[in-house]
Amino acid sequence: MRPALTLVLHALLEETREPGARLLSLDRVAEAIGTVAVSADEVEVLVSALEAEGRTVVDAHDVRSPKDDLALVLPAARALAKELGRKPTVAELAVRSGLSEDAVRAALRFAEVMAR
């Protein structure tokens, strides 16, 4: 792998090092490549290297949005608040909704923005 692509690989691995953040869209890979001239074969090598490191690369339409995740977080938050008698933590919401803590945080930030 060329040095320029090795830098891209390391940057993508670093930003997805948390267990809940191991999903990458092809759009994100393209953004990371930026203006580096690459062949289709080199993109394939990059994606294979990411997958070998435990990352999942998917088409952008397969990646859930914060809006989609909010549809899972809100019912979980309501149910947990009723059960616990208090506001649930992000960790509790993640367990109940089946999402990563990062996805829960993103969904909650999305809700805050939408409430403005």
PDB file of N, CA and C in Angstrom:
ATOM      1  N   MET A   1       0.855  -1.175   0.000  1.00  0.00           N
ATOM      2  CA  MET A   1       0.000   0.000   0.000  1.00  0.00           C
ATOM      3  C   MET A   1       0.902   1.239   0.000  1.00  0.00           C
ATOM      4  N   ARG A   2       0.542   2.190  -0.837  1.00  0.00           N
ATOM      5  CA  ARG A   2       1.324   3.426  -0.921  1.00  0.00           C
ATOM      6  C   ARG A   2       1.261   4.203   0.397  1.00  0.00           C
ATOM      7  N   PRO A   3       2.306   4.969   0.698  1.00  0.00           N
ATOM      8  CA  PRO A   3       2.330   5.739   1.951  1.00  0.00           C
ATOM      9  C   PRO A   3       1.117   6.654   2.133  1.00  0.00           C
ATOM     10  N   ALA A   4       0.650   7.288   1.063  1.00  0.00           N
ATOM     11  CA  ALA A   4      -0.510   8.182   1.178  1.00  0.00           C
ATOM     12  C   ALA A   4      -1.746   7.410   1.631  1.00  0.00           C
ATOM     13  N   LEU A   5      -1.912   6.193   1.117  1.00  0.00           N
ATOM     14  CA  LEU A   5      -3.066   5.383   1.520  1.00  0.00           C
ATOM     15  C   LEU A   5      -2.876   4.789   2.907  1.00  0.00           C
ATOM     16  N   THR A   6      -1.644   4.535   3.284  1.00  0.00           N
ATOM     17  CA  THR A   6      -1.376   4.064   4.644  1.00  0.00           C
ATOM     18  C   THR A   6      -1.795   5.126   5.649  1.00  0.00           C
ATOM     19  N   LEU A   7      -1.543   6.388   5.329  1.00  0.00           N
ATOM     20  CA  LEU A   7      -1.983   7.487   6.202  1.00  0.00           C
ATOM     21  C   LEU A   7      -3.505   7.525   6.300  1.00  0.00           C
ATOM     22  N   VAL A   8      -4.189   7.327   5.176  1.00  0.00           N
ATOM     23  CA  VAL A   8      -5.653   7.288   5.168  1.00  0.00           C
ATOM     24  C   VAL A   8      -6.136   6.127   6.028  1.00  0.00           C
ATOM     25  N   LEU A   9      -5.527   4.965   5.854  1.00  0.00           N
ATOM     26  CA  LEU A   9      -5.894   3.785   6.637  1.00  0.00           C
ATOM     27  C   LEU A   9      -5.756   4.060   8.127  1.00  0.00           C
ATOM     28  N   HIS A  10      -4.623   4.601   8.538  1.00  0.00           N
ATOM     29  CA  HIS A  10      -4.401   4.863   9.965  1.00  0.00           C
ATOM     30  C   HIS A  10      -5.382   5.895  10.507  1.00  0.00           C
ATOM     31  N   ALA A  11      -5.705   6.906   9.717  1.00  0.00           N
ATOM     32  CA  ALA A  11      -6.674   7.916  10.152  1.00  0.00           C
ATOM     33  C   ALA A  11      -8.055   7.288  10.359  1.00  0.00           C
ATOM     34  N   LEU A  12      -8.479   6.442   9.425  1.00  0.00           N
ATOM     35  CA  LEU A  12      -9.786   5.786   9.555  1.00  0.00           C
ATOM     36  C   LEU A  12      -9.804   4.800  10.720  1.00  0.00           C
ATOM     37  N   LEU A  13      -8.713   4.092  10.923  1.00  0.00           N
ATOM     38  CA  LEU A  13      -8.645   3.166  12.061  1.00  0.00           C
ATOM     39  C   LEU A  13      -8.708   3.932  13.377  1.00  0.00           C
ATOM     40  N   GLU A  14      -8.042   5.065  13.441  1.00  0.00           N
ATOM     41  CA  GLU A  14      -8.041   5.861  14.672  1.00  0.00           C
ATOM     42  C   GLU A  14      -9.434   6.397  14.981  1.00  0.00           C
ATOM     43  N   GLU A  15     -10.133   6.895  13.975  1.00  0.00           N
ATOM     44  CA  GLU A  15     -11.448   7.473  14.245  1.00  0.00           C
ATOM     45  C   GLU A  15     -12.508   6.404  14.522  1.00  0.00           C
ATOM     46  N   THR A  16     -12.186   5.149  14.244  1.00  0.00           N
ATOM     47  CA  THR A  16     -13.141   4.060  14.501  1.00  0.00           C
ATOM     48  C   THR A  16     -12.591   3.059  15.513  1.00  0.00           C
ATOM     49  N   ARG A  17     -11.753   3.520  16.423  1.00  0.00           N
ATOM     50  CA  ARG A  17     -11.138   2.582  17.374  1.00  0.00           C
ATOM     51  C   ARG A  17     -12.088   2.156  18.490  1.00  0.00           C
ATOM     52  N   GLU A  18     -13.114   2.961  18.786  1.00  0.00           N
ATOM     53  CA  GLU A  18     -14.080   2.583  19.816  1.00  0.00           C
ATOM     54  C   GLU A  18     -14.955   1.447  19.292  1.00  0.00           C
ATOM     55  N   PRO A  19     -15.280   0.467  20.143  1.00  0.00           N
ATOM     56  CA  PRO A  19     -16.074  -0.680  19.686  1.00  0.00           C
ATOM     57  C   PRO A  19     -17.398  -0.303  19.023  1.00  0.00           C
ATOM     58  N   GLY A  20     -18.048   0.752  19.487  1.00  0.00           N
ATOM     59  CA  GLY A  20     -19.332   1.138  18.914  1.00  0.00           C
ATOM     60  C   GLY A  20     -19.228   1.964  17.650  1.00  0.00           C
ATOM     61  N   ALA A  21     -18.023   2.247  17.212  1.00  0.00           N
ATOM     62  CA  ALA A  21     -17.840   3.133  16.057  1.00  0.00           C
ATOM     63  C   ALA A  21     -17.095   2.437  14.929  1.00  0.00           C
ATOM     64  N   ARG A  22     -17.308   1.164  14.755  1.00  0.00           N
ATOM     65  CA  ARG A  22     -16.522   0.398  13.784  1.00  0.00           C
ATOM     66  C   ARG A  22     -17.176   0.299  12.414  1.00  0.00           C
ATOM     67  N   LEU A  23     -18.251   1.022  12.222  1.00  0.00           N
ATOM     68  CA  LEU A  23     -18.957   1.014  10.950  1.00  0.00           C
ATOM     69  C   LEU A  23     -18.544   2.243  10.141  1.00  0.00           C
ATOM     70  N   LEU A  24     -18.133   2.031   8.913  1.00  0.00           N
ATOM     71  CA  LEU A  24     -17.718   3.121   8.024  1.00  0.00           C
ATOM     72  C   LEU A  24     -18.536   3.068   6.743  1.00  0.00           C
ATOM     73  N   SER A  25     -18.990   4.219   6.299  1.00  0.00           N
ATOM     74  CA  SER A  25     -19.655   4.259   4.999  1.00  0.00           C
ATOM     75  C   SER A  25     -18.599   4.436   3.913  1.00  0.00           C
ATOM     76  N   LEU A  26     -18.938   4.008   2.722  1.00  0.00           N
ATOM     77  CA  LEU A  26     -18.037   4.232   1.590  1.00  0.00           C
ATOM     78  C   LEU A  26     -17.819   5.727   1.375  1.00  0.00           C
ATOM     79  N   ASP A  27     -18.845   6.530   1.679  1.00  0.00           N
ATOM     80  CA  ASP A  27     -18.692   7.982   1.573  1.00  0.00           C
ATOM     81  C   ASP A  27     -17.610   8.488   2.512  1.00  0.00           C
ATOM     82  N   ARG A  28     -17.556   7.953   3.738  1.00  0.00           N
ATOM     83  CA  ARG A  28     -16.541   8.378   4.701  1.00  0.00           C
ATOM     84  C   ARG A  28     -15.156   7.970   4.216  1.00  0.00           C
ATOM     85  N   VAL A  29     -15.040   6.782   3.641  1.00  0.00           N
ATOM     86  CA  VAL A  29     -13.758   6.337   3.088  1.00  0.00           C
ATOM     87  C   VAL A  29     -13.335   7.285   1.969  1.00  0.00           C
ATOM     88  N   ALA A  30     -14.281   7.655   1.104  1.00  0.00           N
ATOM     89  CA  ALA A  30     -13.972   8.578   0.008  1.00  0.00           C
ATOM     90  C   ALA A  30     -13.535   9.939   0.546  1.00  0.00           C
ATOM     91  N   GLU A  31     -14.210  10.428   1.597  1.00  0.00           N
ATOM     92  CA  GLU A  31     -13.811  11.703   2.209  1.00  0.00           C
ATOM     93  C   GLU A  31     -12.389  11.621   2.746  1.00  0.00           C
ATOM     94  N   ALA A  32     -12.057  10.504   3.358  1.00  0.00           N
ATOM     95  CA  ALA A  32     -10.713  10.339   3.926  1.00  0.00           C
ATOM     96  C   ALA A  32      -9.654  10.275   2.825  1.00  0.00           C
ATOM     97  N   ILE A  33      -9.994   9.660   1.714  1.00  0.00           N
ATOM     98  CA  ILE A  33      -9.060   9.603   0.585  1.00  0.00           C
ATOM     99  C   ILE A  33      -8.851  11.003   0.022  1.00  0.00           C
ATOM    100  N   GLY A  34      -9.932  11.780  -0.007  1.00  0.00           N
ATOM    101  CA  GLY A  34      -9.835  13.166  -0.457  1.00  0.00           C
ATOM    102  C   GLY A  34      -9.340  13.287  -1.881  1.00  0.00           C
ATOM    103  N   THR A  35      -8.288  14.063  -2.069  1.00  0.00           N
ATOM    104  CA  THR A  35      -7.780  14.340  -3.415  1.00  0.00           C
ATOM    105  C   THR A  35      -6.648  13.410  -3.834  1.00  0.00           C
ATOM    106  N   VAL A  36      -6.367  12.400  -3.020  1.00  0.00           N
ATOM    107  CA  VAL A  36      -5.325  11.434  -3.380  1.00  0.00           C
ATOM    108  C   VAL A  36      -5.822  10.627  -4.582  1.00  0.00           C
ATOM    109  N   ALA A  37      -5.031  10.585  -5.629  1.00  0.00           N
ATOM    110  CA  ALA A  37      -5.403   9.804  -6.813  1.00  0.00           C
ATOM    111  C   ALA A  37      -5.240   8.321  -6.489  1.00  0.00           C
ATOM    112  N   VAL A  38      -6.342   7.570  -6.605  1.00  0.00           N
ATOM    113  CA  VAL A  38      -6.306   6.137  -6.305  1.00  0.00           C
ATOM    114  C   VAL A  38      -7.015   5.366  -7.408  1.00  0.00           C
ATOM    115  N   SER A  39      -6.613   4.133  -7.570  1.00  0.00           N
ATOM    116  CA  SER A  39      -7.280   3.244  -8.524  1.00  0.00           C
ATOM    117  C   SER A  39      -8.347   2.450  -7.785  1.00  0.00           C
ATOM    118  N   ALA A  40      -9.213   1.807  -8.544  1.00  0.00           N
ATOM    119  CA  ALA A  40     -10.234   0.945  -7.939  1.00  0.00           C
ATOM    120  C   ALA A  40      -9.577  -0.178  -7.142  1.00  0.00           C
ATOM    121  N   ASP A  41      -8.470  -0.700  -7.652  1.00  0.00           N
ATOM    122  CA  ASP A  41      -7.755  -1.764  -6.939  1.00  0.00           C
ATOM    123  C   ASP A  41      -7.227  -1.266  -5.595  1.00  0.00           C
ATOM    124  N   GLU A  42      -6.735  -0.032  -5.563  1.00  0.00           N
ATOM    125  CA  GLU A  42      -6.222   0.513  -4.302  1.00  0.00           C
ATOM    126  C   GLU A  42      -7.341   0.733  -3.291  1.00  0.00           C
ATOM    127  N   VAL A  43      -8.505   1.158  -3.768  1.00  0.00           N
ATOM    128  CA  VAL A  43      -9.654   1.305  -2.867  1.00  0.00           C
ATOM    129  C   VAL A  43     -10.022  -0.055  -2.302  1.00  0.00           C
ATOM    130  N   GLU A  44     -10.000  -1.070  -3.137  1.00  0.00           N
ATOM    131  CA  GLU A  44     -10.310  -2.428  -2.687  1.00  0.00           C
ATOM    132  C   GLU A  44      -9.309  -2.898  -1.631  1.00  0.00           C
ATOM    133  N   VAL A  45      -8.034  -2.602  -1.835  1.00  0.00           N
ATOM    134  CA  VAL A  45      -6.998  -2.958  -0.856  1.00  0.00           C
ATOM    135  C   VAL A  45      -7.243  -2.212   0.456  1.00  0.00           C
ATOM    136  N   LEU A  46      -7.600  -0.928   0.366  1.00  0.00           N
ATOM    137  CA  LEU A  46      -7.877  -0.129   1.566  1.00  0.00           C
ATOM    138  C   LEU A  46      -9.067  -0.697   2.335  1.00  0.00           C
ATOM    139  N   VAL A  47     -10.143  -1.005   1.634  1.00  0.00           N
ATOM    140  CA  VAL A  47     -11.333  -1.576   2.279  1.00  0.00           C
ATOM    141  C   VAL A  47     -10.993  -2.925   2.906  1.00  0.00           C
ATOM    142  N   SER A  48     -10.232  -3.751   2.212  1.00  0.00           N
ATOM    143  CA  SER A  48      -9.823  -5.052   2.769  1.00  0.00           C
ATOM    144  C   SER A  48      -8.988  -4.876   4.027  1.00  0.00           C
ATOM    145  N   ALA A  49      -8.101  -3.886   4.029  1.00  0.00           N
ATOM    146  CA  ALA A  49      -7.272  -3.622   5.212  1.00  0.00           C
ATOM    147  C   ALA A  49      -8.134  -3.156   6.378  1.00  0.00           C
ATOM    148  N   LEU A  50      -9.132  -2.322   6.107  1.00  0.00           N
ATOM    149  CA  LEU A  50     -10.047  -1.877   7.166  1.00  0.00           C
ATOM    150  C   LEU A  50     -10.824  -3.067   7.730  1.00  0.00           C
ATOM    151  N   GLU A  51     -11.319  -3.918   6.851  1.00  0.00           N
ATOM    152  CA  GLU A  51     -12.080  -5.090   7.292  1.00  0.00           C
ATOM    153  C   GLU A  51     -11.197  -6.064   8.063  1.00  0.00           C
ATOM    154  N   ALA A  52      -9.938  -6.178   7.676  1.00  0.00           N
ATOM    155  CA  ALA A  52      -9.005  -7.050   8.401  1.00  0.00           C
ATOM    156  C   ALA A  52      -8.771  -6.546   9.822  1.00  0.00           C
ATOM    157  N   GLU A  53      -8.985  -5.250  10.031  1.00  0.00           N
ATOM    158  CA  GLU A  53      -8.832  -4.648  11.362  1.00  0.00           C
ATOM    159  C   GLU A  53     -10.160  -4.589  12.118  1.00  0.00           C
ATOM    160  N   GLY A  54     -11.175  -5.296  11.626  1.00  0.00           N
ATOM    161  CA  GLY A  54     -12.442  -5.391  12.339  1.00  0.00           C
ATOM    162  C   GLY A  54     -13.442  -4.294  12.031  1.00  0.00           C
ATOM    163  N   ARG A  55     -13.186  -3.512  10.992  1.00  0.00           N
ATOM    164  CA  ARG A  55     -14.137  -2.471  10.606  1.00  0.00           C
ATOM    165  C   ARG A  55     -15.090  -3.035   9.566  1.00  0.00           C
ATOM    166  N   THR A  56     -16.279  -2.455   9.499  1.00  0.00           N
ATOM    167  CA  THR A  56     -17.257  -2.837   8.497  1.00  0.00           C
ATOM    168  C   THR A  56     -17.479  -1.639   7.588  1.00  0.00           C
ATOM    169  N   VAL A  57     -17.293  -1.839   6.301  1.00  0.00           N
ATOM    170  CA  VAL A  57     -17.480  -0.772   5.321  1.00  0.00           C
ATOM    171  C   VAL A  57     -18.755  -1.085   4.546  1.00  0.00           C
ATOM    172  N   VAL A  58     -19.683  -0.124   4.534  1.00  0.00           N
ATOM    173  CA  VAL A  58     -20.982  -0.341   3.901  1.00  0.00           C
ATOM    174  C   VAL A  58     -21.317   0.821   2.978  1.00  0.00           C
ATOM    175  N   ASP A  59     -22.257   0.579   2.100  1.00  0.00           N
ATOM    176  CA  ASP A  59     -22.775   1.636   1.247  1.00  0.00           C
ATOM    177  C   ASP A  59     -23.486   2.646   2.143  1.00  0.00           C
ATOM    178  N   ALA A  60     -23.438   3.908   1.797  1.00  0.00           N
ATOM    179  CA  ALA A  60     -23.970   4.974   2.654  1.00  0.00           C
ATOM    180  C   ALA A  60     -25.443   4.771   3.002  1.00  0.00           C
ATOM    181  N   HIS A  61     -26.231   4.217   2.113  1.00  0.00           N
ATOM    182  CA  HIS A  61     -27.655   4.054   2.420  1.00  0.00           C
ATOM    183  C   HIS A  61     -27.902   2.959   3.461  1.00  0.00           C
ATOM    184  N   ASP A  62     -26.889   2.152   3.763  1.00  0.00           N
ATOM    185  CA  ASP A  62     -27.029   1.115   4.786  1.00  0.00           C
ATOM    186  C   ASP A  62     -26.699   1.617   6.190  1.00  0.00           C
ATOM    187  N   VAL A  63     -26.162   2.831   6.296  1.00  0.00           N
ATOM    188  CA  VAL A  63     -25.765   3.381   7.591  1.00  0.00           C
ATOM    189  C   VAL A  63     -26.971   4.068   8.218  1.00  0.00           C
ATOM    190  N   ARG A  64     -27.232   3.754   9.468  1.00  0.00           N
ATOM    191  CA  ARG A  64     -28.365   4.350  10.170  1.00  0.00           C
ATOM    192  C   ARG A  64     -28.084   5.816  10.456  1.00  0.00           C
ATOM    193  N   SER A  65     -29.117   6.600  10.439  1.00  0.00           N
ATOM    194  CA  SER A  65     -28.992   8.018  10.755  1.00  0.00           C
ATOM    195  C   SER A  65     -29.381   8.245  12.213  1.00  0.00           C
ATOM    196  N   PRO A  66     -28.980   9.385  12.785  1.00  0.00           N
ATOM    197  CA  PRO A  66     -29.423   9.710  14.146  1.00  0.00           C
ATOM    198  C   PRO A  66     -30.948   9.751  14.252  1.00  0.00           C
ATOM    199  N   LYS A  67     -31.609  10.160  13.175  1.00  0.00           N
ATOM    200  CA  LYS A  67     -33.077  10.181  13.186  1.00  0.00           C
ATOM    201  C   LYS A  67     -33.623   8.762  13.346  1.00  0.00           C
ATOM    202  N   ASP A  68     -33.040   7.806  12.617  1.00  0.00           N
ATOM    203  CA  ASP A  68     -33.458   6.405  12.745  1.00  0.00           C
ATOM    204  C   ASP A  68     -33.203   5.896  14.162  1.00  0.00           C
ATOM    205  N   ASP A  69     -32.032   6.239  14.690  1.00  0.00           N
ATOM    206  CA  ASP A  69     -31.670   5.781  16.031  1.00  0.00           C
ATOM    207  C   ASP A  69     -32.560   6.407  17.096  1.00  0.00           C
ATOM    208  N   LEU A  70     -32.966   7.655  16.875  1.00  0.00           N
ATOM    209  CA  LEU A  70     -33.840   8.319  17.839  1.00  0.00           C
ATOM    210  C   LEU A  70     -35.158   7.567  17.989  1.00  0.00           C
ATOM    211  N   ALA A  71     -35.616   6.960  16.905  1.00  0.00           N
ATOM    212  CA  ALA A  71     -36.846   6.167  16.956  1.00  0.00           C
ATOM    213  C   ALA A  71     -36.699   4.953  17.872  1.00  0.00           C
ATOM    214  N   LEU A  72     -35.473   4.514  18.126  1.00  0.00           N
ATOM    215  CA  LEU A  72     -35.225   3.424  19.074  1.00  0.00           C
ATOM    216  C   LEU A  72     -34.938   3.960  20.477  1.00  0.00           C
ATOM    217  N   VAL A  73     -34.275   5.102  20.543  1.00  0.00           N
ATOM    218  CA  VAL A  73     -33.859   5.657  21.836  1.00  0.00           C
ATOM    219  C   VAL A  73     -35.052   6.202  22.625  1.00  0.00           C
ATOM    220  N   LEU A  74     -35.966   6.910  21.962  1.00  0.00           N
ATOM    221  CA  LEU A  74     -37.083   7.523  22.690  1.00  0.00           C
ATOM    222  C   LEU A  74     -37.956   6.514  23.433  1.00  0.00           C
ATOM    223  N   PRO A  75     -38.413   5.439  22.787  1.00  0.00           N
ATOM    224  CA  PRO A  75     -39.208   4.469  23.547  1.00  0.00           C
ATOM    225  C   PRO A  75     -38.407   3.821  24.678  1.00  0.00           C
ATOM    226  N   ALA A  76     -37.119   3.589  24.429  1.00  0.00           N
ATOM    227  CA  ALA A  76     -36.266   3.015  25.479  1.00  0.00           C
ATOM    228  C   ALA A  76     -36.152   3.983  26.640  1.00  0.00           C
ATOM    229  N   ALA A  77     -35.993   5.269  26.349  1.00  0.00           N
ATOM    230  CA  ALA A  77     -35.869   6.281  27.406  1.00  0.00           C
ATOM    231  C   ALA A  77     -37.151   6.376  28.220  1.00  0.00           C
ATOM    232  N   ARG A  78     -38.277   6.362  27.549  1.00  0.00           N
ATOM    233  CA  ARG A  78     -39.563   6.446  28.260  1.00  0.00           C
ATOM    234  C   ARG A  78     -39.769   5.229  29.165  1.00  0.00           C
ATOM    235  N   ALA A  79     -39.501   4.055  28.626  1.00  0.00           N
ATOM    236  CA  ALA A  79     -39.695   2.829  29.409  1.00  0.00           C
ATOM    237  C   ALA A  79     -38.744   2.782  30.600  1.00  0.00           C
ATOM    238  N   LEU A  80     -37.483   3.119  30.375  1.00  0.00           N
ATOM    239  CA  LEU A  80     -36.509   3.090  31.474  1.00  0.00           C
ATOM    240  C   LEU A  80     -36.822   4.135  32.533  1.00  0.00           C
ATOM    241  N   ALA A  81     -37.238   5.323  32.118  1.00  0.00           N
ATOM    242  CA  ALA A  81     -37.586   6.364  33.088  1.00  0.00           C
ATOM    243  C   ALA A  81     -38.740   5.897  33.970  1.00  0.00           C
ATOM    244  N   LYS A  82     -39.700   5.231  33.368  1.00  0.00           N
ATOM    245  CA  LYS A  82     -40.843   4.708  34.129  1.00  0.00           C
ATOM    246  C   LYS A  82     -40.399   3.599  35.083  1.00  0.00           C
ATOM    247  N   GLU A  83     -39.562   2.692  34.596  1.00  0.00           N
ATOM    248  CA  GLU A  83     -39.086   1.578  35.415  1.00  0.00           C
ATOM    249  C   GLU A  83     -38.161   2.027  36.540  1.00  0.00           C
ATOM    250  N   LEU A  84     -37.260   2.947  36.230  1.00  0.00           N
ATOM    251  CA  LEU A  84     -36.223   3.342  37.188  1.00  0.00           C
ATOM    252  C   LEU A  84     -36.626   4.519  38.066  1.00  0.00           C
ATOM    253  N   GLY A  85     -37.625   5.278  37.627  1.00  0.00           N
ATOM    254  CA  GLY A  85     -38.028   6.458  38.381  1.00  0.00           C
ATOM    255  C   GLY A  85     -37.028   7.603  38.271  1.00  0.00           C
ATOM    256  N   ARG A  86     -36.202   7.575  37.247  1.00  0.00           N
ATOM    257  CA  ARG A  86     -35.204   8.625  37.017  1.00  0.00           C
ATOM    258  C   ARG A  86     -34.838   8.618  35.543  1.00  0.00           C
ATOM    259  N   LYS A  87     -34.084   9.625  35.171  1.00  0.00           N
ATOM    260  CA  LYS A  87     -33.599   9.709  33.792  1.00  0.00           C
ATOM    261  C   LYS A  87     -32.550   8.616  33.567  1.00  0.00           C
ATOM    262  N   PRO A  88     -32.692   7.803  32.521  1.00  0.00           N
ATOM    263  CA  PRO A  88     -31.712   6.734  32.280  1.00  0.00           C
ATOM    264  C   PRO A  88     -30.379   7.294  31.785  1.00  0.00           C
ATOM    265  N   THR A  89     -29.328   6.555  32.039  1.00  0.00           N
ATOM    266  CA  THR A  89     -28.001   6.940  31.553  1.00  0.00           C
ATOM    267  C   THR A  89     -27.858   6.541  30.085  1.00  0.00           C
ATOM    268  N   VAL A  90     -26.852   7.077  29.450  1.00  0.00           N
ATOM    269  CA  VAL A  90     -26.565   6.716  28.059  1.00  0.00           C
ATOM    270  C   VAL A  90     -26.281   5.216  27.962  1.00  0.00           C
ATOM    271  N   ALA A  91     -25.543   4.691  28.928  1.00  0.00           N
ATOM    272  CA  ALA A  91     -25.222   3.257  28.916  1.00  0.00           C
ATOM    273  C   ALA A  91     -26.494   2.410  29.008  1.00  0.00           C
ATOM    274  N   GLU A  92     -27.414   2.807  29.866  1.00  0.00           N
ATOM    275  CA  GLU A  92     -28.678   2.071  29.998  1.00  0.00           C
ATOM    276  C   GLU A  92     -29.494   2.152  28.709  1.00  0.00           C
ATOM    277  N   LEU A  93     -29.509   3.333  28.105  1.00  0.00           N
ATOM    278  CA  LEU A  93     -30.228   3.494  26.839  1.00  0.00           C
ATOM    279  C   LEU A  93     -29.611   2.641  25.735  1.00  0.00           C
ATOM    280  N   ALA A  94     -28.291   2.557  25.732  1.00  0.00           N
ATOM    281  CA  ALA A  94     -27.606   1.753  24.719  1.00  0.00           C
ATOM    282  C   ALA A  94     -27.987   0.285  24.850  1.00  0.00           C
ATOM    283  N   VAL A  95     -27.986  -0.211  26.071  1.00  0.00           N
ATOM    284  CA  VAL A  95     -28.339  -1.618  26.292  1.00  0.00           C
ATOM    285  C   VAL A  95     -29.780  -1.879  25.867  1.00  0.00           C
ATOM    286  N   ARG A  96     -30.685  -1.016  26.289  1.00  0.00           N
ATOM    287  CA  ARG A  96     -32.103  -1.225  25.992  1.00  0.00           C
ATOM    288  C   ARG A  96     -32.402  -1.088  24.500  1.00  0.00           C
ATOM    289  N   SER A  97     -31.776  -0.126  23.840  1.00  0.00           N
ATOM    290  CA  SER A  97     -32.082   0.130  22.428  1.00  0.00           C
ATOM    291  C   SER A  97     -31.295  -0.757  21.468  1.00  0.00           C
ATOM    292  N   GLY A  98     -30.214  -1.380  21.977  1.00  0.00           N
ATOM    293  CA  GLY A  98     -29.374  -2.198  21.110  1.00  0.00           C
ATOM    294  C   GLY A  98     -28.399  -1.393  20.275  1.00  0.00           C
ATOM    295  N   LEU A  99     -28.223  -0.126  20.623  1.00  0.00           N
ATOM    296  CA  LEU A  99     -27.302   0.753  19.903  1.00  0.00           C
ATOM    297  C   LEU A  99     -26.023   0.936  20.702  1.00  0.00           C
ATOM    298  N   SER A 100     -25.003   1.460  20.058  1.00  0.00           N
ATOM    299  CA  SER A 100     -23.780   1.812  20.782  1.00  0.00           C
ATOM    300  C   SER A 100     -24.037   3.087  21.581  1.00  0.00           C
ATOM    301  N   GLU A 101     -23.208   3.331  22.577  1.00  0.00           N
ATOM    302  CA  GLU A 101     -23.340   4.567  23.349  1.00  0.00           C
ATOM    303  C   GLU A 101     -23.134   5.779  22.455  1.00  0.00           C
ATOM    304  N   ASP A 102     -22.221   5.688  21.503  1.00  0.00           N
ATOM    305  CA  ASP A 102     -22.003   6.799  20.567  1.00  0.00           C
ATOM    306  C   ASP A 102     -23.252   7.074  19.738  1.00  0.00           C
ATOM    307  N   ALA A 103     -23.918   6.028  19.291  1.00  0.00           N
ATOM    308  CA  ALA A 103     -25.138   6.205  18.495  1.00  0.00           C
ATOM    309  C   ALA A 103     -26.244   6.824  19.340  1.00  0.00           C
ATOM    310  N   VAL A 104     -26.333   6.426  20.611  1.00  0.00           N
ATOM    311  CA  VAL A 104     -27.330   7.016  21.514  1.00  0.00           C
ATOM    312  C   VAL A 104     -27.041   8.503  21.697  1.00  0.00           C
ATOM    313  N   ARG A 105     -25.771   8.842  21.943  1.00  0.00           N
ATOM    314  CA  ARG A 105     -25.412  10.260  22.109  1.00  0.00           C
ATOM    315  C   ARG A 105     -25.758  11.065  20.855  1.00  0.00           C
ATOM    316  N   ALA A 106     -25.454  10.507  19.692  1.00  0.00           N
ATOM    317  CA  ALA A 106     -25.759  11.205  18.434  1.00  0.00           C
ATOM    318  C   ALA A 106     -27.263  11.398  18.274  1.00  0.00           C
ATOM    319  N   ALA A 107     -28.040  10.395  18.632  1.00  0.00           N
ATOM    320  CA  ALA A 107     -29.499  10.503  18.542  1.00  0.00           C
ATOM    321  C   ALA A 107     -30.021  11.563  19.504  1.00  0.00           C
ATOM    322  N   LEU A 108     -29.472  11.610  20.712  1.00  0.00           N
ATOM    323  CA  LEU A 108     -29.906  12.613  21.690  1.00  0.00           C
ATOM    324  C   LEU A 108     -29.518  14.023  21.246  1.00  0.00           C
ATOM    325  N   ARG A 109     -28.334  14.168  20.658  1.00  0.00           N
ATOM    326  CA  ARG A 109     -27.936  15.483  20.116  1.00  0.00           C
ATOM    327  C   ARG A 109     -28.871  15.887  18.976  1.00  0.00           C
ATOM    328  N   PHE A 110     -29.235  14.926  18.142  1.00  0.00           N
ATOM    329  CA  PHE A 110     -30.170  15.192  17.049  1.00  0.00           C
ATOM    330  C   PHE A 110     -31.501  15.687  17.612  1.00  0.00           C
ATOM    331  N   ALA A 111     -31.984  15.048  18.675  1.00  0.00           N
ATOM    332  CA  ALA A 111     -33.246  15.461  19.296  1.00  0.00           C
ATOM    333  C   ALA A 111     -33.149  16.885  19.836  1.00  0.00           C
ATOM    334  N   GLU A 112     -32.009  17.222  20.441  1.00  0.00           N
ATOM    335  CA  GLU A 112     -31.820  18.586  20.960  1.00  0.00           C
ATOM    336  C   GLU A 112     -31.882  19.608  19.831  1.00  0.00           C
ATOM    337  N   VAL A 113     -31.231  19.309  18.729  1.00  0.00           N
ATOM    338  CA  VAL A 113     -31.236  20.228  17.587  1.00  0.00           C
ATOM    339  C   VAL A 113     -32.645  20.377  17.029  1.00  0.00           C
ATOM    340  N   MET A 114     -33.360  19.275  16.920  1.00  0.00           N
ATOM    341  CA  MET A 114     -34.717  19.316  16.372  1.00  0.00           C
ATOM    342  C   MET A 114     -35.684  20.061  17.291  1.00  0.00           C
ATOM    343  N   ALA A 115     -35.389  20.089  18.583  1.00  0.00           N
ATOM    344  CA  ALA A 115     -36.273  20.750  19.544  1.00  0.00           C
ATOM    345  C   ALA A 115     -36.125  22.271  19.517  1.00  0.00           C
ATOM    346  N   ARG A 116     -35.091  22.779  18.880  1.00  0.00           N
ATOM    347  CA  ARG A 116     -34.862  24.237  18.847  1.00  0.00           C
ATOM    348  C   ARG A 116     -35.859  24.950  17.986  1.00  0.00           C
TER     349      ARG A 116
END
